[in-house]
Amino acid sequence: MNPTKISTGEPGELLIQWNDGHAGRHALRTLRKYCPCAACKQAMEQGEEQTLLPILTPGQNELASVEPIGNYALQMQWKDGHKTGIYTFDYLRQICECSECLKTTGE
């Protein structure tokens, strides 16, 4: 499975059309929250995402660019300069927030 089209939808949203016909939807805030880079994973494991008053860095949830990495992933660069997260296609499908996927995960 590979993306055939990547675009923005509503403000704060990334849309991915897949070659199997699936129309994926991702909130940028969710993509940033679940960034798979080592630093973000470590912060999540240490519970830093659960602070009472999260500090919002300007541009933190805004995409500057999305670049393909081979035939297996997308690398997202955020407007705050963060760019080390490589989102595999499988991972993007796992965290998809389209209505169809949310029904199957029960969210």
PDB file of N, CA and C in Angstrom:
ATOM      1  N   MET A   1       0.837  -1.164   0.000  1.00  0.00           N
ATOM      2  CA  MET A   1       0.000   0.000   0.000  1.00  0.00           C
ATOM      3  C   MET A   1       0.891   1.240   0.000  1.00  0.00           C
ATOM      4  N   ASN A   2       0.573   2.151  -0.910  1.00  0.00           N
ATOM      5  CA  ASN A   2       1.330   3.392  -1.064  1.00  0.00           C
ATOM      6  C   ASN A   2       0.372   4.558  -1.252  1.00  0.00           C
ATOM      7  N   PRO A   3       0.767   5.740  -0.812  1.00  0.00           N
ATOM      8  CA  PRO A   3      -0.087   6.901  -1.064  1.00  0.00           C
ATOM      9  C   PRO A   3      -0.027   7.298  -2.539  1.00  0.00           C
ATOM     10  N   THR A   4      -1.171   7.706  -3.072  1.00  0.00           N
ATOM     11  CA  THR A   4      -1.218   8.204  -4.443  1.00  0.00           C
ATOM     12  C   THR A   4      -1.373   9.716  -4.471  1.00  0.00           C
ATOM     13  N   LYS A   5      -1.890  10.276  -3.369  1.00  0.00           N
ATOM     14  CA  LYS A   5      -2.074  11.727  -3.287  1.00  0.00           C
ATOM     15  C   LYS A   5      -2.018  12.146  -1.822  1.00  0.00           C
ATOM     16  N   ILE A   6      -1.303  13.212  -1.566  1.00  0.00           N
ATOM     17  CA  ILE A   6      -1.206  13.780  -0.216  1.00  0.00           C
ATOM     18  C   ILE A   6      -1.607  15.242  -0.333  1.00  0.00           C
ATOM     19  N   SER A   7      -2.562  15.661   0.474  1.00  0.00           N
ATOM     20  CA  SER A   7      -3.034  17.043   0.404  1.00  0.00           C
ATOM     21  C   SER A   7      -3.511  17.498   1.770  1.00  0.00           C
ATOM     22  N   THR A   8      -3.775  18.781   1.875  1.00  0.00           N
ATOM     23  CA  THR A   8      -4.368  19.309   3.100  1.00  0.00           C
ATOM     24  C   THR A   8      -5.874  19.361   2.897  1.00  0.00           C
ATOM     25  N   GLY A   9      -6.591  19.171   3.968  1.00  0.00           N
ATOM     26  CA  GLY A   9      -8.049  19.242   3.926  1.00  0.00           C
ATOM     27  C   GLY A   9      -8.487  20.471   4.683  1.00  0.00           C
ATOM     28  N   GLU A  10      -9.292  20.259   5.691  1.00  0.00           N
ATOM     29  CA  GLU A  10      -9.686  21.341   6.583  1.00  0.00           C
ATOM     30  C   GLU A  10      -8.420  21.873   7.255  1.00  0.00           C
ATOM     31  N   PRO A  11      -8.473  23.079   7.795  1.00  0.00           N
ATOM     32  CA  PRO A  11      -7.284  23.566   8.515  1.00  0.00           C
ATOM     33  C   PRO A  11      -6.855  22.567   9.591  1.00  0.00           C
ATOM     34  N   GLY A  12      -5.560  22.297   9.629  1.00  0.00           N
ATOM     35  CA  GLY A  12      -5.036  21.369  10.624  1.00  0.00           C
ATOM     36  C   GLY A  12      -5.240  19.910  10.287  1.00  0.00           C
ATOM     37  N   GLU A  13      -5.368  19.583   8.994  1.00  0.00           N
ATOM     38  CA  GLU A  13      -5.684  18.225   8.590  1.00  0.00           C
ATOM     39  C   GLU A  13      -4.848  17.819   7.375  1.00  0.00           C
ATOM     40  N   LEU A  14      -4.396  16.573   7.372  1.00  0.00           N
ATOM     41  CA  LEU A  14      -3.667  16.002   6.243  1.00  0.00           C
ATOM     42  C   LEU A  14      -4.500  14.854   5.679  1.00  0.00           C
ATOM     43  N   LEU A  15      -4.675  14.855   4.369  1.00  0.00           N
ATOM     44  CA  LEU A  15      -5.431  13.804   3.702  1.00  0.00           C
ATOM     45  C   LEU A  15      -4.476  12.961   2.873  1.00  0.00           C
ATOM     46  N   ILE A  16      -4.638  11.646   2.936  1.00  0.00           N
ATOM     47  CA  ILE A  16      -3.805  10.735   2.151  1.00  0.00           C
ATOM     48  C   ILE A  16      -4.716   9.780   1.401  1.00  0.00           C
ATOM     49  N   GLN A  17      -4.606   9.806   0.089  1.00  0.00           N
ATOM     50  CA  GLN A  17      -5.322   8.846  -0.756  1.00  0.00           C
ATOM     51  C   GLN A  17      -4.362   7.694  -1.009  1.00  0.00           C
ATOM     52  N   TRP A  18      -4.808   6.460  -0.737  1.00  0.00           N
ATOM     53  CA  TRP A  18      -3.965   5.277  -0.864  1.00  0.00           C
ATOM     54  C   TRP A  18      -4.299   4.506  -2.129  1.00  0.00           C
ATOM     55  N   ASN A  19      -3.335   3.748  -2.614  1.00  0.00           N
ATOM     56  CA  ASN A  19      -3.540   3.001  -3.862  1.00  0.00           C
ATOM     57  C   ASN A  19      -4.534   1.851  -3.723  1.00  0.00           C
ATOM     58  N   ASP A  20      -4.961   1.532  -2.513  1.00  0.00           N
ATOM     59  CA  ASP A  20      -6.007   0.516  -2.331  1.00  0.00           C
ATOM     60  C   ASP A  20      -7.398   1.148  -2.240  1.00  0.00           C
ATOM     61  N   GLY A  21      -7.472   2.475  -2.487  1.00  0.00           N
ATOM     62  CA  GLY A  21      -8.752   3.175  -2.470  1.00  0.00           C
ATOM     63  C   GLY A  21      -9.093   3.839  -1.151  1.00  0.00           C
ATOM     64  N   HIS A  22      -8.336   3.560  -0.117  1.00  0.00           N
ATOM     65  CA  HIS A  22      -8.622   4.153   1.197  1.00  0.00           C
ATOM     66  C   HIS A  22      -8.337   5.656   1.169  1.00  0.00           C
ATOM     67  N   ALA A  23      -9.241   6.434   1.756  1.00  0.00           N
ATOM     68  CA  ALA A  23      -9.062   7.881   1.872  1.00  0.00           C
ATOM     69  C   ALA A  23      -8.769   8.196   3.336  1.00  0.00           C
ATOM     70  N   GLY A  24      -7.494   8.330   3.664  1.00  0.00           N
ATOM     71  CA  GLY A  24      -7.078   8.561   5.040  1.00  0.00           C
ATOM     72  C   GLY A  24      -7.170  10.023   5.440  1.00  0.00           C
ATOM     73  N   ARG A  25      -7.368  10.248   6.721  1.00  0.00           N
ATOM     74  CA  ARG A  25      -7.467  11.587   7.287  1.00  0.00           C
ATOM     75  C   ARG A  25      -6.684  11.617   8.592  1.00  0.00           C
ATOM     76  N   HIS A  26      -5.870  12.652   8.765  1.00  0.00           N
ATOM     77  CA  HIS A  26      -5.067  12.786   9.971  1.00  0.00           C
ATOM     78  C   HIS A  26      -5.116  14.224  10.472  1.00  0.00           C
ATOM     79  N   ALA A  27      -5.407  14.402  11.728  1.00  0.00           N
ATOM     80  CA  ALA A  27      -5.283  15.723  12.335  1.00  0.00           C
ATOM     81  C   ALA A  27      -3.784  15.968  12.534  1.00  0.00           C
ATOM     82  N   LEU A  28      -3.313  17.151  12.153  1.00  0.00           N
ATOM     83  CA  LEU A  28      -1.889  17.455  12.310  1.00  0.00           C
ATOM     84  C   LEU A  28      -1.476  17.371  13.771  1.00  0.00           C
ATOM     85  N   ARG A  29      -2.348  17.769  14.658  1.00  0.00           N
ATOM     86  CA  ARG A  29      -2.061  17.699  16.098  1.00  0.00           C
ATOM     87  C   ARG A  29      -1.782  16.248  16.519  1.00  0.00           C
ATOM     88  N   THR A  30      -2.550  15.307  15.971  1.00  0.00           N
ATOM     89  CA  THR A  30      -2.347  13.888  16.289  1.00  0.00           C
ATOM     90  C   THR A  30      -1.037  13.390  15.704  1.00  0.00           C
ATOM     91  N   LEU A  31      -0.763  13.763  14.448  1.00  0.00           N
ATOM     92  CA  LEU A  31       0.502  13.338  13.837  1.00  0.00           C
ATOM     93  C   LEU A  31       1.685  13.819  14.657  1.00  0.00           C
ATOM     94  N   ARG A  32       1.626  15.047  15.125  1.00  0.00           N
ATOM     95  CA  ARG A  32       2.742  15.579  15.916  1.00  0.00           C
ATOM     96  C   ARG A  32       2.810  14.891  17.277  1.00  0.00           C
ATOM     97  N   LYS A  33       1.661  14.668  17.877  1.00  0.00           N
ATOM     98  CA  LYS A  33       1.632  14.006  19.189  1.00  0.00           C
ATOM     99  C   LYS A  33       2.245  12.611  19.125  1.00  0.00           C
ATOM    100  N   TYR A  34       1.992  11.899  18.029  1.00  0.00           N
ATOM    101  CA  TYR A  34       2.491  10.541  17.878  1.00  0.00           C
ATOM    102  C   TYR A  34       3.681  10.463  16.930  1.00  0.00           C
ATOM    103  N   CYS A  35       4.488  11.526  16.909  1.00  0.00           N
ATOM    104  CA  CYS A  35       5.698  11.532  16.096  1.00  0.00           C
ATOM    105  C   CYS A  35       6.562  10.327  16.489  1.00  0.00           C
ATOM    106  N   PRO A  36       6.987   9.548  15.490  1.00  0.00           N
ATOM    107  CA  PRO A  36       7.728   8.325  15.812  1.00  0.00           C
ATOM    108  C   PRO A  36       9.235   8.501  16.006  1.00  0.00           C
ATOM    109  N   CYS A  37       9.737   9.731  16.035  1.00  0.00           N
ATOM    110  CA  CYS A  37      11.180   9.896  16.220  1.00  0.00           C
ATOM    111  C   CYS A  37      11.585   9.493  17.641  1.00  0.00           C
ATOM    112  N   ALA A  38      12.848   9.231  17.827  1.00  0.00           N
ATOM    113  CA  ALA A  38      13.350   8.754  19.123  1.00  0.00           C
ATOM    114  C   ALA A  38      13.087   9.753  20.248  1.00  0.00           C
ATOM    115  N   ALA A  39      13.310  11.034  19.998  1.00  0.00           N
ATOM    116  CA  ALA A  39      13.124  12.045  21.049  1.00  0.00           C
ATOM    117  C   ALA A  39      11.662  12.138  21.476  1.00  0.00           C
ATOM    118  N   CYS A  40      10.747  12.125  20.514  1.00  0.00           N
ATOM    119  CA  CYS A  40       9.323  12.216  20.845  1.00  0.00           C
ATOM    120  C   CYS A  40       8.831  10.949  21.544  1.00  0.00           C
ATOM    121  N   LYS A  41       9.305   9.791  21.075  1.00  0.00           N
ATOM    122  CA  LYS A  41       8.929   8.536  21.729  1.00  0.00           C
ATOM    123  C   LYS A  41       9.399   8.519  23.179  1.00  0.00           C
ATOM    124  N   GLN A  42      10.622   8.977  23.412  1.00  0.00           N
ATOM    125  CA  GLN A  42      11.155   9.011  24.768  1.00  0.00           C
ATOM    126  C   GLN A  42      10.336   9.959  25.640  1.00  0.00           C
ATOM    127  N   ALA A  43       9.983  11.109  25.119  1.00  0.00           N
ATOM    128  CA  ALA A  43       9.174  12.063  25.880  1.00  0.00           C
ATOM    129  C   ALA A  43       7.819  11.462  26.227  1.00  0.00           C
ATOM    130  N   MET A  44       7.221  10.731  25.279  1.00  0.00           N
ATOM    131  CA  MET A  44       5.922  10.122  25.526  1.00  0.00           C
ATOM    132  C   MET A  44       6.036   9.031  26.589  1.00  0.00           C
ATOM    133  N   GLU A  45       7.093   8.230  26.500  1.00  0.00           N
ATOM    134  CA  GLU A  45       7.291   7.164  27.480  1.00  0.00           C
ATOM    135  C   GLU A  45       7.517   7.720  28.878  1.00  0.00           C
ATOM    136  N   GLN A  46       8.124   8.888  28.963  1.00  0.00           N
ATOM    137  CA  GLN A  46       8.384   9.511  30.258  1.00  0.00           C
ATOM    138  C   GLN A  46       7.191  10.306  30.762  1.00  0.00           C
ATOM    139  N   GLY A  47       6.109  10.326  29.972  1.00  0.00           N
ATOM    140  CA  GLY A  47       4.892  10.985  30.411  1.00  0.00           C
ATOM    141  C   GLY A  47       4.878  12.485  30.221  1.00  0.00           C
ATOM    142  N   GLU A  48       5.792  13.018  29.425  1.00  0.00           N
ATOM    143  CA  GLU A  48       5.843  14.460  29.243  1.00  0.00           C
ATOM    144  C   GLU A  48       4.622  15.008  28.529  1.00  0.00           C
ATOM    145  N   GLU A  49       3.907  14.176  27.772  1.00  0.00           N
ATOM    146  CA  GLU A  49       2.734  14.663  27.065  1.00  0.00           C
ATOM    147  C   GLU A  49       1.556  14.854  28.005  1.00  0.00           C
ATOM    148  N   GLN A  50       1.681  14.422  29.253  1.00  0.00           N
ATOM    149  CA  GLN A  50       0.574  14.513  30.178  1.00  0.00           C
ATOM    150  C   GLN A  50       0.726  15.656  31.177  1.00  0.00           C
ATOM    151  N   THR A  51       1.543  16.629  30.869  1.00  0.00           N
ATOM    152  CA  THR A  51       1.656  17.772  31.761  1.00  0.00           C
ATOM    153  C   THR A  51       0.339  18.511  31.785  1.00  0.00           C
ATOM    154  N   LEU A  52       0.039  19.169  32.895  1.00  0.00           N
ATOM    155  CA  LEU A  52      -1.228  19.858  33.030  1.00  0.00           C
ATOM    156  C   LEU A  52      -1.346  21.043  32.087  1.00  0.00           C
ATOM    157  N   LEU A  53      -0.283  21.763  31.897  1.00  0.00           N
ATOM    158  CA  LEU A  53      -0.289  22.916  31.016  1.00  0.00           C
ATOM    159  C   LEU A  53       0.747  22.714  29.921  1.00  0.00           C
ATOM    160  N   PRO A  54       0.377  22.038  28.849  1.00  0.00           N
ATOM    161  CA  PRO A  54       1.365  21.799  27.792  1.00  0.00           C
ATOM    162  C   PRO A  54       1.832  23.117  27.171  1.00  0.00           C
ATOM    163  N   ILE A  55       3.094  23.160  26.851  1.00  0.00           N
ATOM    164  CA  ILE A  55       3.665  24.348  26.240  1.00  0.00           C
ATOM    165  C   ILE A  55       3.564  24.182  24.732  1.00  0.00           C
ATOM    166  N   LEU A  56       2.876  25.116  24.078  1.00  0.00           N
ATOM    167  CA  LEU A  56       2.731  25.067  22.632  1.00  0.00           C
ATOM    168  C   LEU A  56       3.814  25.918  22.006  1.00  0.00           C
ATOM    169  N   THR A  57       4.640  25.288  21.221  1.00  0.00           N
ATOM    170  CA  THR A  57       5.674  25.988  20.479  1.00  0.00           C
ATOM    171  C   THR A  57       5.049  26.493  19.189  1.00  0.00           C
ATOM    172  N   PRO A  58       5.258  27.749  18.825  1.00  0.00           N
ATOM    173  CA  PRO A  58       4.693  28.233  17.559  1.00  0.00           C
ATOM    174  C   PRO A  58       5.116  27.345  16.390  1.00  0.00           C
ATOM    175  N   GLY A  59       4.152  26.939  15.581  1.00  0.00           N
ATOM    176  CA  GLY A  59       4.414  26.084  14.435  1.00  0.00           C
ATOM    177  C   GLY A  59       4.475  24.608  14.744  1.00  0.00           C
ATOM    178  N   GLN A  60       4.315  24.247  15.994  1.00  0.00           N
ATOM    179  CA  GLN A  60       4.447  22.855  16.421  1.00  0.00           C
ATOM    180  C   GLN A  60       3.482  21.927  15.692  1.00  0.00           C
ATOM    181  N   ASN A  61       2.271  22.371  15.450  1.00  0.00           N
ATOM    182  CA  ASN A  61       1.268  21.534  14.794  1.00  0.00           C
ATOM    183  C   ASN A  61       0.957  21.991  13.369  1.00  0.00           C
ATOM    184  N   GLU A  62       1.931  22.663  12.742  1.00  0.00           N
ATOM    185  CA  GLU A  62       1.765  23.119  11.370  1.00  0.00           C
ATOM    186  C   GLU A  62       2.853  22.493  10.503  1.00  0.00           C
ATOM    187  N   LEU A  63       2.453  21.927   9.379  1.00  0.00           N
ATOM    188  CA  LEU A  63       3.414  21.286   8.485  1.00  0.00           C
ATOM    189  C   LEU A  63       4.103  22.301   7.578  1.00  0.00           C
ATOM    190  N   ALA A  64       5.413  22.171   7.462  1.00  0.00           N
ATOM    191  CA  ALA A  64       6.172  22.957   6.494  1.00  0.00           C
ATOM    192  C   ALA A  64       6.279  22.173   5.197  1.00  0.00           C
ATOM    193  N   SER A  65       6.481  20.841   5.318  1.00  0.00           N
ATOM    194  CA  SER A  65       6.578  19.998   4.131  1.00  0.00           C
ATOM    195  C   SER A  65       6.393  18.533   4.497  1.00  0.00           C
ATOM    196  N   VAL A  66       6.090  17.749   3.477  1.00  0.00           N
ATOM    197  CA  VAL A  66       5.986  16.290   3.596  1.00  0.00           C
ATOM    198  C   VAL A  66       6.780  15.714   2.435  1.00  0.00           C
ATOM    199  N   GLU A  67       7.763  14.872   2.753  1.00  0.00           N
ATOM    200  CA  GLU A  67       8.633  14.302   1.726  1.00  0.00           C
ATOM    201  C   GLU A  67       8.575  12.774   1.780  1.00  0.00           C
ATOM    202  N   PRO A  68       8.514  12.111   0.626  1.00  0.00           N
ATOM    203  CA  PRO A  68       8.557  10.642   0.628  1.00  0.00           C
ATOM    204  C   PRO A  68       9.953  10.148   1.003  1.00  0.00           C
ATOM    205  N   ILE A  69       9.986   9.057   1.735  1.00  0.00           N
ATOM    206  CA  ILE A  69      11.233   8.369   2.075  1.00  0.00           C
ATOM    207  C   ILE A  69      11.141   6.994   1.427  1.00  0.00           C
ATOM    208  N   GLY A  70      11.845   6.825   0.327  1.00  0.00           N
ATOM    209  CA  GLY A  70      11.775   5.560  -0.405  1.00  0.00           C
ATOM    210  C   GLY A  70      10.346   5.215  -0.752  1.00  0.00           C
ATOM    211  N   ASN A  71      10.031   3.942  -0.694  1.00  0.00           N
ATOM    212  CA  ASN A  71       8.668   3.462  -0.961  1.00  0.00           C
ATOM    213  C   ASN A  71       8.016   2.936   0.304  1.00  0.00           C
ATOM    214  N   TYR A  72       8.388   3.528   1.464  1.00  0.00           N
ATOM    215  CA  TYR A  72       7.847   2.974   2.703  1.00  0.00           C
ATOM    216  C   TYR A  72       7.407   4.007   3.732  1.00  0.00           C
ATOM    217  N   ALA A  73       7.717   5.302   3.531  1.00  0.00           N
ATOM    218  CA  ALA A  73       7.428   6.255   4.602  1.00  0.00           C
ATOM    219  C   ALA A  73       7.339   7.686   4.082  1.00  0.00           C
ATOM    220  N   LEU A  74       6.863   8.559   4.975  1.00  0.00           N
ATOM    221  CA  LEU A  74       6.848  10.000   4.748  1.00  0.00           C
ATOM    222  C   LEU A  74       7.611  10.669   5.882  1.00  0.00           C
ATOM    223  N   GLN A  75       8.382  11.676   5.556  1.00  0.00           N
ATOM    224  CA  GLN A  75       9.053  12.463   6.581  1.00  0.00           C
ATOM    225  C   GLN A  75       8.369  13.823   6.622  1.00  0.00           C
ATOM    226  N   MET A  76       7.953  14.207   7.797  1.00  0.00           N
ATOM    227  CA  MET A  76       7.244  15.466   7.967  1.00  0.00           C
ATOM    228  C   MET A  76       8.149  16.488   8.621  1.00  0.00           C
ATOM    229  N   GLN A  77       8.172  17.658   8.051  1.00  0.00           N
ATOM    230  CA  GLN A  77       8.894  18.765   8.665  1.00  0.00           C
ATOM    231  C   GLN A  77       7.849  19.741   9.166  1.00  0.00           C
ATOM    232  N   TRP A  78       7.976  20.073  10.450  1.00  0.00           N
ATOM    233  CA  TRP A  78       7.025  20.956  11.105  1.00  0.00           C
ATOM    234  C   TRP A  78       7.576  22.378  11.101  1.00  0.00           C
ATOM    235  N   LYS A  79       6.688  23.341  11.184  1.00  0.00           N
ATOM    236  CA  LYS A  79       7.103  24.741  11.094  1.00  0.00           C
ATOM    237  C   LYS A  79       7.931  25.208  12.283  1.00  0.00           C
ATOM    238  N   ASP A  80       7.977  24.420  13.353  1.00  0.00           N
ATOM    239  CA  ASP A  80       8.860  24.773  14.473  1.00  0.00           C
ATOM    240  C   ASP A  80      10.267  24.213  14.272  1.00  0.00           C
ATOM    241  N   GLY A  81      10.515  23.568  13.109  1.00  0.00           N
ATOM    242  CA  GLY A  81      11.842  23.046  12.788  1.00  0.00           C
ATOM    243  C   GLY A  81      12.019  21.564  13.022  1.00  0.00           C
ATOM    244  N   HIS A  82      11.094  20.922  13.720  1.00  0.00           N
ATOM    245  CA  HIS A  82      11.204  19.486  13.995  1.00  0.00           C
ATOM    246  C   HIS A  82      11.031  18.716  12.691  1.00  0.00           C
ATOM    247  N   LYS A  83      11.961  17.782  12.408  1.00  0.00           N
ATOM    248  CA  LYS A  83      11.879  17.039  11.148  1.00  0.00           C
ATOM    249  C   LYS A  83      12.481  15.647  11.210  1.00  0.00           C
ATOM    250  N   THR A  84      12.596  15.064  12.384  1.00  0.00           N
ATOM    251  CA  THR A  84      13.237  13.759  12.480  1.00  0.00           C
ATOM    252  C   THR A  84      12.261  12.582  12.479  1.00  0.00           C
ATOM    253  N   GLY A  85      10.964  12.853  12.480  1.00  0.00           N
ATOM    254  CA  GLY A  85       9.985  11.770  12.484  1.00  0.00           C
ATOM    255  C   GLY A  85       9.768  11.191  11.107  1.00  0.00           C
ATOM    256  N   ILE A  86       9.946   9.893  10.976  1.00  0.00           N
ATOM    257  CA  ILE A  86       9.673   9.190   9.721  1.00  0.00           C
ATOM    258  C   ILE A  86       8.464   8.291   9.974  1.00  0.00           C
ATOM    259  N   TYR A  87       7.374   8.614   9.301  1.00  0.00           N
ATOM    260  CA  TYR A  87       6.100   7.930   9.481  1.00  0.00           C
ATOM    261  C   TYR A  87       5.965   6.857   8.400  1.00  0.00           C
ATOM    262  N   THR A  88       6.109   5.585   8.779  1.00  0.00           N
ATOM    263  CA  THR A  88       5.965   4.524   7.785  1.00  0.00           C
ATOM    264  C   THR A  88       4.513   4.478   7.307  1.00  0.00           C
ATOM    265  N   PHE A  89       4.320   3.941   6.116  1.00  0.00           N
ATOM    266  CA  PHE A  89       2.970   3.832   5.589  1.00  0.00           C
ATOM    267  C   PHE A  89       2.095   2.986   6.509  1.00  0.00           C
ATOM    268  N   ASP A  90       2.646   1.892   7.025  1.00  0.00           N
ATOM    269  CA  ASP A  90       1.886   1.048   7.951  1.00  0.00           C
ATOM    270  C   ASP A  90       1.469   1.838   9.190  1.00  0.00           C
ATOM    271  N   TYR A  91       2.382   2.630   9.726  1.00  0.00           N
ATOM    272  CA  TYR A  91       2.085   3.424  10.921  1.00  0.00           C
ATOM    273  C   TYR A  91       0.992   4.451  10.621  1.00  0.00           C
ATOM    274  N   LEU A  92       1.082   5.118   9.474  1.00  0.00           N
ATOM    275  CA  LEU A  92       0.056   6.098   9.111  1.00  0.00           C
ATOM    276  C   LEU A  92      -1.317   5.448   9.009  1.00  0.00           C
ATOM    277  N   ARG A  93      -1.368   4.240   8.481  1.00  0.00           N
ATOM    278  CA  ARG A  93      -2.660   3.552   8.405  1.00  0.00           C
ATOM    279  C   ARG A  93      -3.155   3.165   9.793  1.00  0.00           C
ATOM    280  N   GLN A  94      -2.249   2.810  10.695  1.00  0.00           N
ATOM    281  CA  GLN A  94      -2.648   2.438  12.057  1.00  0.00           C
ATOM    282  C   GLN A  94      -3.254   3.618  12.807  1.00  0.00           C
ATOM    283  N   ILE A  95      -2.747   4.814  12.570  1.00  0.00           N
ATOM    284  CA  ILE A  95      -3.230   5.984  13.321  1.00  0.00           C
ATOM    285  C   ILE A  95      -4.200   6.836  12.496  1.00  0.00           C
ATOM    286  N   CYS A  96      -4.736   6.273  11.419  1.00  0.00           N
ATOM    287  CA  CYS A  96      -5.677   6.982  10.560  1.00  0.00           C
ATOM    288  C   CYS A  96      -6.918   7.383  11.366  1.00  0.00           C
ATOM    289  N   GLU A  97      -7.398   8.591  11.110  1.00  0.00           N
ATOM    290  CA  GLU A  97      -8.559   9.114  11.839  1.00  0.00           C
ATOM    291  C   GLU A  97      -9.768   9.331  10.938  1.00  0.00           C
ATOM    292  N   CYS A  98      -9.813   8.635   9.796  1.00  0.00           N
ATOM    293  CA  CYS A  98     -10.998   8.764   8.951  1.00  0.00           C
ATOM    294  C   CYS A  98     -12.172   8.085   9.668  1.00  0.00           C
ATOM    295  N   SER A  99     -13.385   8.398   9.248  1.00  0.00           N
ATOM    296  CA  SER A  99     -14.564   7.842   9.933  1.00  0.00           C
ATOM    297  C   SER A  99     -14.590   6.321   9.861  1.00  0.00           C
ATOM    298  N   GLU A 100     -14.153   5.748   8.744  1.00  0.00           N
ATOM    299  CA  GLU A 100     -14.131   4.292   8.602  1.00  0.00           C
ATOM    300  C   GLU A 100     -13.190   3.646   9.625  1.00  0.00           C
ATOM    301  N   CYS A 101     -11.981   4.202   9.774  1.00  0.00           N
ATOM    302  CA  CYS A 101     -11.003   3.646  10.714  1.00  0.00           C
ATOM    303  C   CYS A 101     -11.439   3.870  12.162  1.00  0.00           C
ATOM    304  N   LEU A 102     -12.023   5.013  12.442  1.00  0.00           N
ATOM    305  CA  LEU A 102     -12.475   5.264  13.813  1.00  0.00           C
ATOM    306  C   LEU A 102     -13.584   4.306  14.223  1.00  0.00           C
ATOM    307  N   LYS A 103     -14.415   3.880  13.276  1.00  0.00           N
ATOM    308  CA  LYS A 103     -15.464   2.892  13.578  1.00  0.00           C
ATOM    309  C   LYS A 103     -14.854   1.557  13.972  1.00  0.00           C
ATOM    310  N   THR A 104     -13.801   1.143  13.272  1.00  0.00           N
ATOM    311  CA  THR A 104     -13.212  -0.164  13.544  1.00  0.00           C
ATOM    312  C   THR A 104     -12.386  -0.172  14.820  1.00  0.00           C
ATOM    313  N   THR A 105     -11.854   1.004  15.227  1.00  0.00           N
ATOM    314  CA  THR A 105     -11.085   1.055  16.469  1.00  0.00           C
ATOM    315  C   THR A 105     -11.944   1.391  17.668  1.00  0.00           C
ATOM    316  N   GLY A 106     -13.204   1.786  17.426  1.00  0.00           N
ATOM    317  CA  GLY A 106     -14.102   2.086  18.522  1.00  0.00           C
ATOM    318  C   GLY A 106     -13.899   3.445  19.147  1.00  0.00           C
ATOM    319  N   GLU A 107     -13.174   4.339  18.502  1.00  0.00           N
ATOM    320  CA  GLU A 107     -12.942   5.680  19.070  1.00  0.00           C
ATOM    321  C   GLU A 107     -14.042   6.622  18.674  1.00  0.00           C
TER     322      GLU A 107
END
